């Protein structure tokens, strides 16, 4: 990525879209490495270019706001994460049809911030909006559906509503068993959650 960026910097004008793509890619790697301040710096450079060159409701801007939100979420800076995710949602609501996967992702992202903040009723509301879209638009064994059921199960678990948590975890496991290889860590994780819930019950 750095080699590509070096070439673009030497050969393209400073607000060229390819530079924004490079900055975004490098930001993504730093985010996955847990180097959050570097990730933010590159995402913000990409955002600066995108803002200058794209209309204010362009989906690429929304994707960058989502990326920035995910860094703040990883850093547990919840109010900043929420602000970025809400900017992304606002764009998607203006540009996408109501059942678009981007909206499901945005609702899920916002739900995860509220979940991390311990605001479980808000988290539930956003996770359910995400699930509603995914149920309408994805195949019944799509892993993202499993993720949605798992997320809602975790909220109920944290709210100590163990019977509802169990129901959602079992649905998640059923989907993930069909969608992923049997040794996948997501399957192991959900099985452990089911055991924990059964112990609580």
N, C-alpha and C. Protein backbone atom coordinates (compact mmCIF):
# COMPACT_ATOMS: atom_id res chain seq x y z
N UNK A 1 0.83 -1.21 0.00
CA UNK A 1 0.00 0.00 0.00
C UNK A 1 0.87 1.26 0.00
N UNK A 2 1.95 1.22 0.78
CA UNK A 2 2.83 2.40 0.86
C UNK A 2 3.55 2.65 -0.47
N UNK A 3 3.91 1.57 -1.15
CA UNK A 3 4.55 1.71 -2.47
C UNK A 3 3.59 2.38 -3.46
N UNK A 4 2.34 1.93 -3.43
CA UNK A 4 1.32 2.52 -4.32
C UNK A 4 1.14 4.00 -3.99
N UNK A 5 1.04 4.30 -2.69
CA UNK A 5 0.85 5.69 -2.26
C UNK A 5 2.02 6.57 -2.72
N UNK A 6 3.22 6.04 -2.60
CA UNK A 6 4.42 6.79 -2.99
C UNK A 6 4.35 7.18 -4.47
N UNK A 7 3.93 6.23 -5.30
CA UNK A 7 3.80 6.51 -6.75
C UNK A 7 2.71 7.56 -6.99
N UNK A 8 1.56 7.37 -6.34
CA UNK A 8 0.45 8.33 -6.53
C UNK A 8 0.86 9.74 -6.09
N UNK A 9 1.58 9.84 -4.98
CA UNK A 9 1.98 11.16 -4.47
C UNK A 9 2.92 11.87 -5.45
N UNK A 10 3.72 11.08 -6.16
CA UNK A 10 4.68 11.67 -7.11
C UNK A 10 4.03 12.05 -8.45
N UNK A 11 2.92 11.37 -8.77
CA UNK A 11 2.41 11.51 -10.14
C UNK A 11 1.01 12.13 -10.24
N UNK A 12 0.31 12.28 -9.11
CA UNK A 12 -1.08 12.74 -9.18
C UNK A 12 -1.26 14.05 -8.41
N UNK A 13 -2.28 14.83 -8.77
CA UNK A 13 -2.59 16.02 -7.96
C UNK A 13 -3.02 15.61 -6.54
N UNK A 14 -2.84 16.52 -5.58
CA UNK A 14 -2.99 16.16 -4.15
C UNK A 14 -4.41 15.76 -3.75
N UNK A 15 -5.42 16.10 -4.59
CA UNK A 15 -6.79 15.70 -4.22
C UNK A 15 -7.35 14.64 -5.16
N UNK A 16 -6.48 13.85 -5.77
CA UNK A 16 -6.91 12.80 -6.70
C UNK A 16 -7.58 11.65 -5.93
N UNK A 17 -8.68 11.09 -6.47
CA UNK A 17 -9.39 9.99 -5.79
C UNK A 17 -8.50 8.79 -5.47
N UNK A 18 -7.51 8.50 -6.33
CA UNK A 18 -6.63 7.34 -6.06
C UNK A 18 -5.82 7.53 -4.78
N UNK A 19 -5.48 8.78 -4.48
CA UNK A 19 -4.79 9.06 -3.21
C UNK A 19 -5.71 8.77 -2.03
N UNK A 20 -6.97 9.17 -2.16
CA UNK A 20 -7.94 8.90 -1.09
C UNK A 20 -8.08 7.39 -0.88
N UNK A 21 -8.13 6.63 -1.97
CA UNK A 21 -8.25 5.17 -1.88
C UNK A 21 -7.04 4.58 -1.16
N UNK A 22 -5.84 5.09 -1.49
CA UNK A 22 -4.62 4.62 -0.83
C UNK A 22 -4.63 4.92 0.66
N UNK A 23 -4.97 6.17 1.00
CA UNK A 23 -5.02 6.54 2.42
C UNK A 23 -6.02 5.67 3.17
N UNK A 24 -7.17 5.41 2.54
CA UNK A 24 -8.20 4.58 3.16
C UNK A 24 -7.69 3.15 3.39
N UNK A 25 -7.00 2.61 2.40
CA UNK A 25 -6.47 1.23 2.52
C UNK A 25 -5.45 1.13 3.65
N UNK A 26 -4.57 2.11 3.73
CA UNK A 26 -3.53 2.09 4.77
C UNK A 26 -4.19 2.28 6.15
N UNK A 27 -5.19 3.16 6.21
CA UNK A 27 -5.94 3.32 7.46
C UNK A 27 -6.55 2.03 7.93
N UNK A 28 -7.09 1.25 6.99
CA UNK A 28 -7.71 -0.03 7.32
C UNK A 28 -6.73 -1.02 7.91
N UNK A 29 -5.50 -1.04 7.37
CA UNK A 29 -4.48 -1.96 7.89
C UNK A 29 -4.09 -1.55 9.32
N UNK A 30 -3.86 -0.25 9.51
CA UNK A 30 -3.51 0.22 10.86
C UNK A 30 -4.62 -0.08 11.86
N UNK A 31 -5.87 0.07 11.43
CA UNK A 31 -7.01 -0.23 12.32
C UNK A 31 -6.97 -1.70 12.75
N UNK A 32 -6.73 -2.59 11.77
CA UNK A 32 -6.68 -4.02 12.10
C UNK A 32 -5.47 -4.38 12.96
N UNK A 33 -4.41 -3.57 12.85
CA UNK A 33 -3.21 -3.80 13.68
C UNK A 33 -3.35 -3.20 15.08
N UNK A 34 -4.45 -2.48 15.30
CA UNK A 34 -4.64 -1.84 16.60
C UNK A 34 -3.87 -0.54 16.77
N UNK A 35 -3.34 -0.01 15.67
CA UNK A 35 -2.61 1.28 15.73
C UNK A 35 -3.59 2.40 15.36
N UNK A 36 -4.41 2.76 16.33
CA UNK A 36 -5.60 3.55 16.05
C UNK A 36 -5.30 4.99 15.67
N UNK A 37 -4.31 5.61 16.29
CA UNK A 37 -4.04 7.02 15.94
C UNK A 37 -3.53 7.12 14.50
N UNK A 38 -2.73 6.14 14.07
CA UNK A 38 -2.27 6.12 12.67
C UNK A 38 -3.44 5.85 11.73
N UNK A 39 -4.31 4.94 12.12
CA UNK A 39 -5.49 4.63 11.30
C UNK A 39 -6.33 5.89 11.10
N UNK A 40 -6.58 6.61 12.19
CA UNK A 40 -7.38 7.83 12.12
C UNK A 40 -6.75 8.86 11.20
N UNK A 41 -5.43 9.01 11.33
CA UNK A 41 -4.72 9.99 10.52
C UNK A 41 -4.91 9.72 9.03
N UNK A 42 -4.80 8.45 8.63
CA UNK A 42 -4.94 8.11 7.20
C UNK A 42 -6.40 8.20 6.74
N UNK A 43 -7.32 7.76 7.59
CA UNK A 43 -8.74 7.88 7.22
C UNK A 43 -9.13 9.36 7.05
N UNK A 44 -8.59 10.21 7.92
CA UNK A 44 -8.94 11.63 7.84
C UNK A 44 -8.35 12.29 6.59
N UNK A 45 -7.16 11.85 6.18
CA UNK A 45 -6.59 12.35 4.92
C UNK A 45 -7.48 11.95 3.74
N UNK A 46 -7.94 10.72 3.78
CA UNK A 46 -8.84 10.24 2.72
C UNK A 46 -10.14 11.04 2.73
N UNK A 47 -10.67 11.29 3.92
CA UNK A 47 -11.92 12.03 4.06
C UNK A 47 -11.78 13.46 3.51
N UNK A 48 -10.65 14.07 3.81
CA UNK A 48 -10.39 15.45 3.35
C UNK A 48 -10.48 15.54 1.82
N UNK A 49 -9.87 14.55 1.15
CA UNK A 49 -9.90 14.53 -0.33
C UNK A 49 -11.33 14.27 -0.82
N UNK A 50 -11.98 13.28 -0.21
CA UNK A 50 -13.34 12.92 -0.64
C UNK A 50 -14.29 14.12 -0.48
N UNK A 51 -14.14 14.86 0.62
CA UNK A 51 -15.02 16.02 0.84
C UNK A 51 -14.83 17.09 -0.23
N UNK A 52 -13.60 17.22 -0.71
CA UNK A 52 -13.32 18.24 -1.73
C UNK A 52 -13.80 17.82 -3.12
N UNK A 53 -13.88 16.51 -3.34
CA UNK A 53 -14.09 16.04 -4.71
C UNK A 53 -15.44 15.36 -4.94
N UNK A 54 -16.20 15.10 -3.87
CA UNK A 54 -17.47 14.37 -4.02
C UNK A 54 -18.63 15.19 -3.46
N UNK A 55 -19.85 14.94 -3.96
CA UNK A 55 -21.02 15.58 -3.34
C UNK A 55 -21.18 15.11 -1.89
N UNK A 56 -21.81 15.92 -1.06
CA UNK A 56 -21.85 15.66 0.39
C UNK A 56 -22.62 14.39 0.77
N UNK A 57 -23.43 13.87 -0.15
CA UNK A 57 -24.18 12.64 0.19
C UNK A 57 -23.67 11.43 -0.59
N UNK A 58 -22.40 11.45 -0.99
CA UNK A 58 -21.84 10.33 -1.76
C UNK A 58 -21.56 9.14 -0.84
N UNK A 59 -21.89 7.91 -1.28
CA UNK A 59 -21.67 6.72 -0.45
C UNK A 59 -20.21 6.53 -0.01
N UNK A 60 -19.23 6.97 -0.83
CA UNK A 60 -17.82 6.83 -0.42
C UNK A 60 -17.52 7.63 0.85
N UNK A 61 -18.20 8.77 1.01
CA UNK A 61 -18.06 9.55 2.24
C UNK A 61 -18.64 8.77 3.42
N UNK A 62 -19.78 8.16 3.21
CA UNK A 62 -20.42 7.37 4.26
C UNK A 62 -19.52 6.22 4.69
N UNK A 63 -18.90 5.56 3.69
CA UNK A 63 -18.01 4.44 4.03
C UNK A 63 -16.83 4.90 4.87
N UNK A 64 -16.31 6.09 4.55
CA UNK A 64 -15.21 6.63 5.35
C UNK A 64 -15.66 6.98 6.76
N UNK A 65 -16.85 7.56 6.90
CA UNK A 65 -17.37 7.84 8.25
C UNK A 65 -17.53 6.54 9.04
N UNK A 66 -17.97 5.46 8.37
CA UNK A 66 -18.06 4.16 9.03
C UNK A 66 -16.68 3.68 9.50
N UNK A 67 -15.68 3.85 8.63
CA UNK A 67 -14.32 3.41 8.98
C UNK A 67 -13.79 4.19 10.19
N UNK A 68 -14.02 5.50 10.17
CA UNK A 68 -13.56 6.34 11.29
C UNK A 68 -14.31 5.96 12.56
N UNK A 69 -15.62 5.71 12.42
CA UNK A 69 -16.42 5.26 13.56
C UNK A 69 -15.88 3.98 14.16
N UNK A 70 -15.44 3.06 13.29
CA UNK A 70 -14.95 1.77 13.80
C UNK A 70 -13.65 1.95 14.59
N UNK A 71 -12.81 2.91 14.19
CA UNK A 71 -11.58 3.19 14.95
C UNK A 71 -11.95 3.73 16.33
N UNK A 72 -12.85 4.72 16.35
CA UNK A 72 -13.26 5.28 17.65
C UNK A 72 -13.93 4.23 18.52
N UNK A 73 -14.70 3.33 17.90
CA UNK A 73 -15.34 2.25 18.66
C UNK A 73 -14.28 1.35 19.28
N UNK A 74 -13.26 1.01 18.48
CA UNK A 74 -12.16 0.18 18.99
C UNK A 74 -11.40 0.88 20.12
N UNK A 75 -11.35 2.22 20.05
CA UNK A 75 -10.66 3.01 21.08
C UNK A 75 -11.56 3.27 22.29
N UNK A 76 -12.82 2.79 22.21
CA UNK A 76 -13.84 3.00 23.24
C UNK A 76 -14.15 4.49 23.45
N UNK A 77 -13.99 5.27 22.37
CA UNK A 77 -14.42 6.67 22.41
C UNK A 77 -15.83 6.72 21.81
N UNK A 78 -16.80 6.37 22.66
CA UNK A 78 -18.14 6.05 22.17
C UNK A 78 -18.85 7.24 21.52
N UNK A 79 -18.73 8.44 22.10
CA UNK A 79 -19.48 9.57 21.54
C UNK A 79 -18.95 9.93 20.15
N UNK A 80 -17.62 9.82 19.96
CA UNK A 80 -17.04 10.10 18.63
C UNK A 80 -17.43 9.01 17.63
N UNK A 81 -17.45 7.76 18.10
CA UNK A 81 -17.86 6.64 17.24
C UNK A 81 -19.30 6.86 16.77
N UNK A 82 -20.15 7.21 17.73
CA UNK A 82 -21.56 7.42 17.43
C UNK A 82 -21.75 8.54 16.40
N UNK A 83 -21.02 9.61 16.59
CA UNK A 83 -21.11 10.76 15.68
C UNK A 83 -20.74 10.35 14.25
N UNK A 84 -19.66 9.61 14.09
CA UNK A 84 -19.22 9.17 12.76
C UNK A 84 -20.23 8.20 12.14
N UNK A 85 -20.67 7.23 12.94
CA UNK A 85 -21.64 6.25 12.43
C UNK A 85 -22.96 6.93 12.04
N UNK A 86 -23.36 7.94 12.81
CA UNK A 86 -24.61 8.64 12.49
C UNK A 86 -24.49 9.45 11.20
N UNK A 87 -23.30 10.01 10.95
CA UNK A 87 -23.07 10.72 9.68
C UNK A 87 -23.20 9.76 8.51
N UNK A 88 -22.63 8.57 8.66
CA UNK A 88 -22.73 7.54 7.61
C UNK A 88 -24.19 7.17 7.38
N UNK A 89 -24.92 6.93 8.47
CA UNK A 89 -26.33 6.55 8.37
C UNK A 89 -27.14 7.63 7.66
N UNK A 90 -26.88 8.87 7.99
CA UNK A 90 -27.60 9.99 7.40
C UNK A 90 -27.45 9.99 5.87
N UNK A 91 -26.23 9.72 5.41
CA UNK A 91 -25.98 9.68 3.95
C UNK A 91 -26.73 8.50 3.33
N UNK A 92 -26.58 7.33 3.95
CA UNK A 92 -27.24 6.13 3.39
C UNK A 92 -28.76 6.29 3.36
N UNK A 93 -29.32 6.94 4.38
CA UNK A 93 -30.78 7.15 4.40
C UNK A 93 -31.25 8.03 3.24
N UNK A 94 -30.38 8.95 2.82
CA UNK A 94 -30.73 9.85 1.71
C UNK A 94 -30.54 9.18 0.35
N UNK A 95 -29.61 8.23 0.26
CA UNK A 95 -29.21 7.74 -1.06
C UNK A 95 -29.63 6.30 -1.35
N UNK A 96 -29.91 5.52 -0.31
CA UNK A 96 -30.20 4.09 -0.51
C UNK A 96 -31.68 3.80 -0.35
N UNK A 97 -32.18 2.75 -1.02
CA UNK A 97 -33.54 2.28 -0.73
C UNK A 97 -33.61 1.76 0.71
N UNK A 98 -34.80 1.71 1.32
CA UNK A 98 -34.91 1.42 2.77
C UNK A 98 -34.41 0.05 3.21
N UNK A 99 -34.29 -0.91 2.27
CA UNK A 99 -33.80 -2.24 2.67
C UNK A 99 -32.37 -2.52 2.21
N UNK A 100 -31.61 -1.46 1.96
CA UNK A 100 -30.26 -1.64 1.43
C UNK A 100 -29.32 -2.18 2.52
N UNK A 101 -28.40 -3.10 2.14
CA UNK A 101 -27.44 -3.66 3.12
C UNK A 101 -26.61 -2.59 3.85
N UNK A 102 -26.31 -1.47 3.18
CA UNK A 102 -25.54 -0.40 3.85
C UNK A 102 -26.27 0.11 5.09
N UNK A 103 -27.59 0.19 4.99
CA UNK A 103 -28.39 0.64 6.14
C UNK A 103 -28.33 -0.38 7.27
N UNK A 104 -28.40 -1.66 6.90
CA UNK A 104 -28.30 -2.71 7.91
C UNK A 104 -26.96 -2.62 8.65
N UNK A 105 -25.89 -2.38 7.89
CA UNK A 105 -24.55 -2.25 8.49
C UNK A 105 -24.51 -1.04 9.42
N UNK A 106 -25.08 0.08 8.96
CA UNK A 106 -25.08 1.29 9.79
C UNK A 106 -25.86 1.09 11.09
N UNK A 107 -27.04 0.49 10.99
CA UNK A 107 -27.83 0.24 12.20
C UNK A 107 -27.05 -0.69 13.16
N UNK A 108 -26.40 -1.70 12.58
CA UNK A 108 -25.62 -2.64 13.39
C UNK A 108 -24.46 -1.91 14.09
N UNK A 109 -23.77 -1.04 13.35
CA UNK A 109 -22.63 -0.30 13.92
C UNK A 109 -23.08 0.57 15.10
N UNK A 110 -24.19 1.29 14.90
CA UNK A 110 -24.68 2.17 15.96
C UNK A 110 -25.14 1.33 17.16
N UNK A 111 -25.78 0.20 16.86
CA UNK A 111 -26.17 -0.72 17.94
C UNK A 111 -24.98 -1.17 18.76
N UNK A 112 -23.86 -1.44 18.08
CA UNK A 112 -22.67 -1.94 18.80
C UNK A 112 -22.10 -0.88 19.74
N UNK A 113 -22.19 0.40 19.36
CA UNK A 113 -21.70 1.47 20.24
C UNK A 113 -22.59 1.55 21.49
N UNK A 114 -23.90 1.56 21.28
CA UNK A 114 -24.82 1.60 22.44
C UNK A 114 -24.62 0.38 23.33
N UNK A 115 -24.38 -0.78 22.70
CA UNK A 115 -24.12 -2.02 23.43
C UNK A 115 -22.88 -1.83 24.32
N UNK A 116 -21.79 -1.30 23.72
CA UNK A 116 -20.55 -1.08 24.47
C UNK A 116 -20.72 -0.06 25.60
N UNK A 117 -21.68 0.87 25.40
CA UNK A 117 -21.94 1.90 26.43
C UNK A 117 -22.87 1.38 27.53
N UNK A 118 -23.40 0.17 27.33
CA UNK A 118 -24.33 -0.39 28.31
C UNK A 118 -25.74 0.16 28.18
N UNK A 119 -26.01 0.83 27.05
CA UNK A 119 -27.37 1.36 26.80
C UNK A 119 -28.14 0.32 25.98
N UNK A 120 -28.62 -0.71 26.68
CA UNK A 120 -29.08 -1.91 26.01
C UNK A 120 -30.37 -1.74 25.24
N UNK A 121 -31.29 -0.90 25.72
CA UNK A 121 -32.56 -0.75 24.98
C UNK A 121 -32.30 -0.05 23.64
N UNK A 122 -31.38 0.93 23.64
CA UNK A 122 -31.00 1.60 22.38
C UNK A 122 -30.30 0.59 21.45
N UNK A 123 -29.39 -0.18 22.02
CA UNK A 123 -28.65 -1.19 21.24
C UNK A 123 -29.63 -2.15 20.57
N UNK A 124 -30.59 -2.63 21.36
CA UNK A 124 -31.59 -3.57 20.86
C UNK A 124 -32.37 -2.98 19.70
N UNK A 125 -32.78 -1.73 19.84
CA UNK A 125 -33.57 -1.07 18.81
C UNK A 125 -32.80 -1.03 17.48
N UNK A 126 -31.51 -0.68 17.52
CA UNK A 126 -30.72 -0.59 16.29
C UNK A 126 -30.37 -1.97 15.74
N UNK A 127 -30.05 -2.92 16.63
CA UNK A 127 -29.75 -4.28 16.16
C UNK A 127 -30.99 -4.89 15.48
N UNK A 128 -32.17 -4.59 16.01
CA UNK A 128 -33.40 -5.15 15.43
C UNK A 128 -33.70 -4.54 14.06
N UNK A 129 -33.42 -3.24 13.90
CA UNK A 129 -33.57 -2.61 12.58
C UNK A 129 -32.65 -3.27 11.56
N UNK A 130 -31.43 -3.53 12.00
CA UNK A 130 -30.45 -4.19 11.12
C UNK A 130 -30.93 -5.60 10.74
N UNK A 131 -31.38 -6.35 11.74
CA UNK A 131 -31.86 -7.72 11.51
C UNK A 131 -33.04 -7.73 10.55
N UNK A 132 -33.96 -6.78 10.72
CA UNK A 132 -35.16 -6.71 9.87
C UNK A 132 -34.77 -6.61 8.38
N UNK A 133 -33.79 -5.76 8.10
CA UNK A 133 -33.33 -5.61 6.70
C UNK A 133 -32.65 -6.89 6.24
N UNK A 134 -31.79 -7.43 7.09
CA UNK A 134 -31.04 -8.64 6.70
C UNK A 134 -31.97 -9.82 6.46
N UNK A 135 -33.03 -9.94 7.27
CA UNK A 135 -33.99 -11.04 7.07
C UNK A 135 -34.72 -10.91 5.73
N UNK A 136 -34.94 -9.68 5.29
CA UNK A 136 -35.64 -9.45 4.03
C UNK A 136 -34.73 -9.63 2.81
N UNK A 137 -33.43 -9.39 2.98
CA UNK A 137 -32.55 -9.27 1.80
C UNK A 137 -31.49 -10.36 1.67
N UNK A 138 -31.27 -11.14 2.73
CA UNK A 138 -30.20 -12.15 2.67
C UNK A 138 -30.79 -13.56 2.66
N UNK A 139 -30.00 -14.50 2.18
CA UNK A 139 -30.38 -15.92 2.27
C UNK A 139 -30.48 -16.31 3.74
N UNK A 140 -31.33 -17.30 4.02
CA UNK A 140 -31.63 -17.65 5.41
C UNK A 140 -30.42 -18.19 6.17
N UNK A 141 -29.35 -18.62 5.44
CA UNK A 141 -28.16 -19.12 6.15
C UNK A 141 -26.96 -18.19 5.97
N UNK A 142 -27.21 -16.90 5.70
CA UNK A 142 -26.11 -15.96 5.51
C UNK A 142 -25.45 -15.66 6.86
N UNK A 143 -24.09 -15.67 6.91
CA UNK A 143 -23.41 -15.43 8.19
C UNK A 143 -23.78 -14.11 8.87
N UNK A 144 -24.11 -13.07 8.08
CA UNK A 144 -24.47 -11.79 8.69
C UNK A 144 -25.76 -11.89 9.51
N UNK A 145 -26.66 -12.80 9.09
CA UNK A 145 -27.86 -13.06 9.89
C UNK A 145 -27.46 -13.68 11.23
N UNK A 146 -26.52 -14.61 11.16
CA UNK A 146 -25.99 -15.23 12.38
C UNK A 146 -25.40 -14.18 13.31
N UNK A 147 -24.66 -13.24 12.72
CA UNK A 147 -24.07 -12.15 13.51
C UNK A 147 -25.16 -11.31 14.18
N UNK A 148 -26.21 -10.99 13.43
CA UNK A 148 -27.32 -10.21 13.99
C UNK A 148 -27.98 -10.93 15.17
N UNK A 149 -28.28 -12.21 14.99
CA UNK A 149 -28.89 -12.97 16.09
C UNK A 149 -27.95 -13.03 17.30
N UNK A 150 -26.67 -13.21 17.04
CA UNK A 150 -25.68 -13.26 18.12
C UNK A 150 -25.64 -11.93 18.88
N UNK A 151 -25.63 -10.81 18.13
CA UNK A 151 -25.57 -9.50 18.77
C UNK A 151 -26.78 -9.25 19.66
N UNK A 152 -27.97 -9.60 19.16
CA UNK A 152 -29.20 -9.41 19.94
C UNK A 152 -29.17 -10.34 21.16
N UNK A 153 -28.69 -11.56 20.95
CA UNK A 153 -28.55 -12.50 22.07
C UNK A 153 -27.66 -11.92 23.17
N UNK A 154 -26.56 -11.27 22.78
CA UNK A 154 -25.64 -10.68 23.77
C UNK A 154 -26.31 -9.56 24.56
N UNK A 155 -27.14 -8.76 23.88
CA UNK A 155 -27.84 -7.68 24.59
C UNK A 155 -28.78 -8.28 25.64
N UNK A 156 -29.56 -9.30 25.23
CA UNK A 156 -30.47 -9.93 26.19
C UNK A 156 -29.68 -10.58 27.34
N UNK A 157 -28.54 -11.15 27.01
CA UNK A 157 -27.68 -11.75 28.05
C UNK A 157 -27.26 -10.68 29.06
N UNK A 158 -26.80 -9.53 28.53
CA UNK A 158 -26.37 -8.44 29.42
C UNK A 158 -27.52 -7.85 30.22
N UNK A 159 -28.74 -7.96 29.65
CA UNK A 159 -29.94 -7.49 30.37
C UNK A 159 -30.48 -8.56 31.33
N UNK A 160 -29.78 -9.69 31.37
CA UNK A 160 -30.14 -10.83 32.22
C UNK A 160 -31.47 -11.49 31.83
N UNK A 161 -31.86 -11.30 30.57
CA UNK A 161 -33.05 -12.00 30.04
C UNK A 161 -32.53 -13.25 29.33
N UNK A 162 -32.24 -14.28 30.16
CA UNK A 162 -31.47 -15.42 29.65
C UNK A 162 -32.25 -16.30 28.69
N UNK A 163 -33.58 -16.40 28.86
CA UNK A 163 -34.33 -17.27 27.95
C UNK A 163 -34.35 -16.68 26.54
N UNK A 164 -34.51 -15.33 26.43
CA UNK A 164 -34.45 -14.71 25.11
C UNK A 164 -33.05 -14.80 24.52
N UNK A 165 -32.05 -14.61 25.38
CA UNK A 165 -30.65 -14.71 24.92
C UNK A 165 -30.42 -16.10 24.31
N UNK A 166 -30.88 -17.13 25.01
CA UNK A 166 -30.69 -18.51 24.53
C UNK A 166 -31.33 -18.71 23.17
N UNK A 167 -32.55 -18.20 23.02
CA UNK A 167 -33.27 -18.34 21.75
C UNK A 167 -32.47 -17.73 20.59
N UNK A 168 -31.93 -16.52 20.80
CA UNK A 168 -31.16 -15.86 19.74
C UNK A 168 -29.82 -16.55 19.49
N UNK A 169 -29.15 -16.98 20.55
CA UNK A 169 -27.87 -17.68 20.37
C UNK A 169 -28.07 -18.99 19.59
N UNK A 170 -29.17 -19.69 19.88
CA UNK A 170 -29.43 -20.96 19.18
C UNK A 170 -29.72 -20.72 17.70
N UNK A 171 -30.43 -19.63 17.40
CA UNK A 171 -30.67 -19.28 15.99
C UNK A 171 -29.34 -18.94 15.30
N UNK A 172 -28.52 -18.18 16.01
CA UNK A 172 -27.21 -17.81 15.46
C UNK A 172 -26.39 -19.06 15.16
N UNK A 173 -26.36 -19.99 16.11
CA UNK A 173 -25.57 -21.21 15.93
C UNK A 173 -26.07 -22.02 14.75
N UNK A 174 -27.39 -22.13 14.62
CA UNK A 174 -28.00 -22.90 13.53
C UNK A 174 -27.54 -22.34 12.16
N UNK A 175 -27.54 -21.01 12.05
CA UNK A 175 -27.13 -20.39 10.78
C UNK A 175 -25.63 -20.57 10.55
N UNK A 176 -24.85 -20.29 11.58
CA UNK A 176 -23.38 -20.34 11.42
C UNK A 176 -22.90 -21.75 11.11
N UNK A 177 -23.59 -22.77 11.66
CA UNK A 177 -23.23 -24.17 11.35
C UNK A 177 -23.39 -24.47 9.86
N UNK A 178 -24.41 -23.84 9.23
CA UNK A 178 -24.64 -24.07 7.80
C UNK A 178 -23.73 -23.19 6.93
N UNK A 179 -23.28 -22.07 7.50
CA UNK A 179 -22.57 -21.08 6.68
C UNK A 179 -21.06 -21.16 6.79
N UNK A 180 -20.56 -21.73 7.89
CA UNK A 180 -19.11 -21.69 8.15
C UNK A 180 -18.57 -23.09 8.39
N UNK A 181 -17.25 -23.28 8.22
CA UNK A 181 -16.65 -24.58 8.54
C UNK A 181 -16.79 -24.88 10.04
N UNK A 182 -16.89 -26.18 10.41
CA UNK A 182 -17.21 -26.53 11.80
C UNK A 182 -16.19 -26.04 12.84
N UNK A 183 -14.94 -25.80 12.41
CA UNK A 183 -13.92 -25.37 13.37
C UNK A 183 -13.80 -23.84 13.47
N UNK A 184 -14.71 -23.13 12.80
CA UNK A 184 -14.62 -21.66 12.78
C UNK A 184 -14.78 -21.09 14.20
N UNK A 185 -13.95 -20.08 14.56
CA UNK A 185 -14.03 -19.52 15.93
C UNK A 185 -15.38 -18.92 16.29
N UNK A 186 -16.14 -18.42 15.29
CA UNK A 186 -17.47 -17.86 15.59
C UNK A 186 -18.40 -18.95 16.15
N UNK A 187 -18.29 -20.16 15.59
CA UNK A 187 -19.14 -21.27 16.05
C UNK A 187 -18.77 -21.64 17.49
N UNK A 188 -17.48 -21.72 17.74
CA UNK A 188 -17.00 -22.04 19.10
C UNK A 188 -17.50 -20.99 20.10
N UNK A 189 -17.42 -19.73 19.70
CA UNK A 189 -17.82 -18.62 20.57
C UNK A 189 -19.31 -18.71 20.94
N UNK A 190 -20.16 -18.97 19.92
CA UNK A 190 -21.61 -19.04 20.18
C UNK A 190 -21.93 -20.25 21.05
N UNK A 191 -21.24 -21.38 20.81
CA UNK A 191 -21.46 -22.57 21.65
C UNK A 191 -21.15 -22.27 23.12
N UNK A 192 -20.06 -21.54 23.33
CA UNK A 192 -19.68 -21.17 24.71
C UNK A 192 -20.75 -20.28 25.35
N UNK A 193 -21.29 -19.36 24.54
CA UNK A 193 -22.34 -18.46 25.06
C UNK A 193 -23.58 -19.26 25.45
N UNK A 194 -23.92 -20.25 24.62
CA UNK A 194 -25.09 -21.09 24.92
C UNK A 194 -24.89 -21.84 26.24
N UNK A 195 -23.67 -22.36 26.44
CA UNK A 195 -23.36 -23.05 27.70
C UNK A 195 -23.50 -22.10 28.89
N UNK A 196 -22.97 -20.87 28.73
CA UNK A 196 -23.06 -19.87 29.80
C UNK A 196 -24.51 -19.55 30.15
N UNK A 197 -25.33 -19.40 29.10
CA UNK A 197 -26.75 -19.06 29.32
C UNK A 197 -27.44 -20.21 30.03
N UNK A 198 -27.16 -21.43 29.60
CA UNK A 198 -27.81 -22.59 30.23
C UNK A 198 -27.42 -22.68 31.70
N UNK A 199 -26.17 -22.35 32.01
CA UNK A 199 -25.74 -22.34 33.42
C UNK A 199 -26.51 -21.29 34.22
N UNK A 200 -26.71 -20.11 33.58
CA UNK A 200 -27.44 -19.04 34.25
C UNK A 200 -28.90 -19.45 34.49
N UNK A 201 -29.46 -20.19 33.53
CA UNK A 201 -30.87 -20.63 33.66
C UNK A 201 -31.01 -21.78 34.66
